Amino acid sequence: MRAVSTSQITELLRRWSGGDTLALEKLLPIVYKELRRLAAGHLKKERAGQLLRTTALVHEAYLRLVDQRSSQWEGRAHFYAIASRVMRQVLVDYARRDAAARRGGKSRKLTLSEAGDVAAPSEGMDFLALDGALNTLAAVDPRQARLVELRYFGGLTIEETAEVMNLSPATVKREWTVARAWLFKELSEC
C-alpha cells in the first residue's frame, strides 16, 4: 500500500464533510492504524480490568465521528484531535456506567508525573475525576483544557499540538506546564 499524504487525507476529510460517503469509505482504512494508536494510548492510562479494548474504543469513536460529518475538518491533525476527544468521552461514558453499576464504587486517584512529559498514572485513572477537573479547567481556561486533551489523551507532541492550536511550540510548552500543575493540584484535592 502506497503512502498517503497529509493533503490527500485533508481532501478526503473535506469531501466527507461535504456529504461524500465514498470519501469516508476511502478515509477509514487510511486513518484506522492511527486511531488504534490513539485508542491504545487512552487505554494504557485506564485502570486494570477495563472491559473496553482498543478495537472496541476505535469502533465506538468511529460511530460517533460518523455523526460529525458536518464538521469542517481543518486537516489531519484536527481530525485526530477530535477523534481523541471523542475517545475520551467514550471512556468517560463507560466510567459513569461502571460507577453507577457499582453504586458509588471506589475510585482511584489520578497522578500526574512531574518528571515525564505526559501524565503517567501508576494504578490507572479515575476518568470521572479527570473529566470533572478538565471541565473546571475549561471554564477557567478553555485553551489549556484543549491543550491537555490533545497532549494527554491525543498523545500529540508539542509540535503537533502547536499546529492544531495555531500556537508556537514555546507557548504550548509553557501552557502545558501550567495546565499540568493546575490539574495536579485539582486532582490531589479529590
Protein backbone atom coordinates (compact mmCIF):
# COMPACT_ATOMS: atom_id res chain seq x y z
CA MET A 1 0.00 0.00 0.00
CA ARG A 2 1.44 3.35 -1.02
CA ALA A 3 1.84 6.14 1.50
CA VAL A 4 -0.95 8.68 1.68
CA SER A 5 -0.04 12.33 2.03
CA THR A 6 -1.48 14.71 4.59
CA SER A 7 -3.09 16.70 1.77
CA GLN A 8 -4.86 13.56 0.49
CA ILE A 9 -6.26 12.92 3.97
CA THR A 10 -7.34 16.56 4.20
CA GLU A 11 -9.06 16.29 0.82
CA LEU A 12 -10.93 13.14 1.89
CA LEU A 13 -11.99 14.88 5.11
CA ARG A 14 -13.22 17.88 3.13
CA ARG A 15 -15.21 15.65 0.76
CA TRP A 16 -16.64 13.70 3.70
CA SER A 17 -17.72 16.97 5.34
CA GLY A 18 -19.46 17.79 2.08
CA GLY A 19 -21.51 14.60 2.30
CA ASP A 20 -19.42 12.28 0.10
CA THR A 21 -19.85 8.86 1.75
CA LEU A 22 -17.35 7.33 -0.67
CA ALA A 23 -14.70 9.63 0.80
CA LEU A 24 -15.44 8.22 4.26
CA GLU A 25 -15.05 4.68 2.94
CA LYS A 26 -11.65 5.61 1.50
CA LEU A 27 -10.62 7.54 4.61
CA LEU A 28 -11.24 4.90 7.27
CA PRO A 29 -8.60 2.37 6.15
CA ILE A 30 -6.07 5.17 5.90
CA VAL A 31 -6.62 6.55 9.41
CA TYR A 32 -7.50 3.29 11.18
CA LYS A 33 -3.94 2.49 12.32
CA GLU A 34 -3.53 5.96 13.86
CA LEU A 35 -6.95 5.71 15.53
CA ARG A 36 -5.84 2.39 17.08
CA ARG A 37 -2.65 4.08 18.34
CA LEU A 38 -4.72 6.86 19.92
CA ALA A 39 -7.09 4.32 21.49
CA ALA A 40 -4.19 2.28 22.86
CA GLY A 41 -2.78 5.45 24.42
CA HIS A 42 -6.09 6.19 26.10
CA LEU A 43 -6.48 2.65 27.39
CA LYS A 44 -2.90 2.48 28.67
CA LYS A 45 -3.94 5.13 31.18
CA GLU A 46 -7.09 3.23 32.16
CA ARG A 47 -7.42 1.17 35.32
CA ALA A 48 -6.73 -2.55 35.29
CA GLY A 49 -9.69 -4.73 34.41
CA GLN A 50 -11.17 -2.27 31.91
CA LEU A 51 -13.58 -4.17 29.70
CA LEU A 52 -13.22 -1.85 26.73
CA ARG A 53 -10.42 -2.86 24.38
CA THR A 54 -8.57 -0.92 21.69
CA THR A 55 -10.68 -2.13 18.77
CA ALA A 56 -13.93 -1.53 20.65
CA LEU A 57 -12.83 2.01 21.57
CA VAL A 58 -11.93 2.76 17.94
CA HIS A 59 -15.28 1.44 16.75
CA GLU A 60 -17.26 3.36 19.40
CA ALA A 61 -15.38 6.55 18.49
CA TYR A 62 -15.86 5.89 14.78
CA LEU A 63 -19.62 5.62 15.22
CA ARG A 64 -19.66 8.97 17.00
CA LEU A 65 -17.34 10.55 14.44
CA VAL A 66 -19.58 9.49 11.56
CA ASP A 67 -22.31 11.61 13.13
CA GLN A 68 -19.93 14.61 12.95
CA ARG A 69 -19.56 14.53 9.19
CA SER A 70 -20.87 18.08 9.01
CA SER A 71 -17.76 19.24 10.88
CA GLN A 72 -15.41 21.35 8.84
CA TRP A 73 -12.21 19.37 9.23
CA GLU A 74 -9.17 21.62 9.10
CA GLY A 75 -6.90 18.72 8.26
CA ARG A 76 -5.40 15.51 9.55
CA ALA A 77 -4.24 16.88 12.92
CA HIS A 78 -7.67 18.44 13.58
CA PHE A 79 -9.37 15.15 12.76
CA TYR A 80 -7.14 13.22 15.18
CA ALA A 81 -7.68 15.85 17.87
CA ILE A 82 -11.45 15.45 17.54
CA ALA A 83 -11.11 11.66 17.44
CA SER A 84 -9.10 11.80 20.67
CA ARG A 85 -11.75 13.99 22.32
CA VAL A 86 -14.45 11.53 21.21
CA MET A 87 -12.44 8.62 22.66
CA ARG A 88 -12.14 10.50 25.94
CA GLN A 89 -15.91 10.94 26.01
CA VAL A 90 -16.47 7.24 25.27
CA LEU A 91 -14.23 6.32 28.21
CA VAL A 92 -15.96 8.83 30.49
CA ASP A 93 -19.34 7.41 29.50
CA TYR A 94 -18.12 3.88 30.28
CA ALA A 95 -16.69 5.05 33.61
CA ARG A 96 -20.01 6.67 34.53
CA ARG A 97 -21.92 3.49 33.71
CA ASP A 98 -19.42 1.43 35.67
CA ALA A 99 -19.65 3.74 38.70
CA ALA A 100 -23.45 3.64 38.55
CA ALA A 101 -23.37 -0.15 38.34
CA ARG A 102 -21.12 -0.34 41.39
CA ARG A 103 -23.26 2.26 43.19
CA GLY A 104 -20.51 4.61 44.25
CA GLY A 105 -17.67 2.14 43.99
CA LYS A 106 -14.15 3.05 44.91
CA SER A 107 -12.43 5.49 42.56
CA ARG A 108 -8.72 5.61 42.01
CA LYS A 109 -6.78 8.85 42.10
CA LEU A 110 -5.01 10.09 39.02
CA THR A 111 -1.36 11.01 39.36
CA LEU A 112 0.49 13.34 37.04
CA SER A 113 4.17 12.75 36.61
CA GLU A 114 6.17 15.88 37.22
CA ALA A 115 9.23 14.39 35.54
CA GLY A 116 7.58 12.98 32.43
CA ASP A 117 6.25 14.96 29.51
CA VAL A 118 2.92 13.16 29.66
CA ALA A 119 0.88 12.11 32.66
CA ALA A 120 1.65 8.59 33.79
CA PRO A 121 -0.77 7.05 36.26
CA SER A 122 0.66 4.14 38.16
CA GLU A 123 -2.53 2.27 39.04
CA GLY A 124 -4.94 3.56 36.41
CA MET A 125 -7.04 6.64 36.38
CA ASP A 126 -10.37 7.87 37.54
CA PHE A 127 -11.79 9.21 34.28
CA LEU A 128 -14.68 10.84 36.10
CA ALA A 129 -12.34 12.88 38.32
CA LEU A 130 -10.20 13.83 35.34
CA ASP A 131 -13.28 14.74 33.29
CA GLY A 132 -14.57 16.94 36.12
CA ALA A 133 -11.18 18.61 36.51
CA LEU A 134 -10.93 19.21 32.75
CA ASN A 135 -14.42 20.71 32.70
CA THR A 136 -13.43 23.02 35.56
CA LEU A 137 -10.21 23.94 33.74
CA ALA A 138 -12.23 24.61 30.56
CA ALA A 139 -14.35 27.10 32.49
CA VAL A 140 -11.19 28.86 33.73
CA ASP A 141 -9.01 28.50 30.63
CA PRO A 142 -10.52 26.70 27.60
CA ARG A 143 -7.24 26.79 25.69
CA GLN A 144 -5.36 24.95 28.43
CA ALA A 145 -8.14 22.36 28.69
CA ARG A 146 -7.93 21.71 24.96
CA LEU A 147 -4.15 21.52 25.20
CA VAL A 148 -4.44 18.83 27.91
CA GLU A 149 -6.87 16.86 25.75
CA LEU A 150 -4.52 16.96 22.80
CA ARG A 151 -1.35 16.15 24.74
CA TYR A 152 -2.63 13.73 27.36
CA PHE A 153 -5.44 11.95 25.58
CA GLY A 154 -4.43 12.52 21.98
CA GLY A 155 -0.78 11.78 22.54
CA LEU A 156 0.18 14.67 20.29
CA THR A 157 3.68 16.05 20.52
CA ILE A 158 4.40 19.66 21.43
CA GLU A 159 4.84 20.46 17.73
CA GLU A 160 1.63 18.68 16.66
CA THR A 161 -0.31 20.41 19.43
CA ALA A 162 1.12 23.75 18.34
CA GLU A 163 -0.01 23.05 14.77
CA VAL A 164 -3.55 22.07 15.78
CA MET A 165 -3.95 25.03 18.14
CA ASN A 166 -2.14 27.51 15.89
CA LEU A 167 0.32 28.40 18.66
CA SER A 168 4.09 28.43 18.90
CA PRO A 169 5.76 25.35 20.41
CA ALA A 170 7.16 27.57 23.19
CA THR A 171 3.65 28.69 24.14
CA VAL A 172 2.42 25.10 24.14
CA LYS A 173 5.32 24.03 26.41
CA ARG A 174 4.63 26.87 28.82
CA GLU A 175 0.88 26.31 28.95
CA TRP A 176 1.32 22.52 29.22
CA THR A 177 3.45 23.05 32.34
CA VAL A 178 0.86 25.39 33.87
CA ALA A 179 -2.07 23.11 32.98
CA ARG A 180 -0.35 20.04 34.44
CA ALA A 181 0.39 21.87 37.68
CA TRP A 182 -3.21 23.09 37.89
CA LEU A 183 -4.59 19.58 37.26
CA PHE A 184 -2.18 18.05 39.76
CA LYS A 185 -3.43 20.45 42.44
CA GLU A 186 -7.08 19.95 41.48
CA LEU A 187 -6.88 16.15 41.39
CA SER A 188 -4.85 15.86 44.58
CA GLU A 189 -7.70 17.61 46.40
CA CYS A 190 -10.17 14.90 45.29
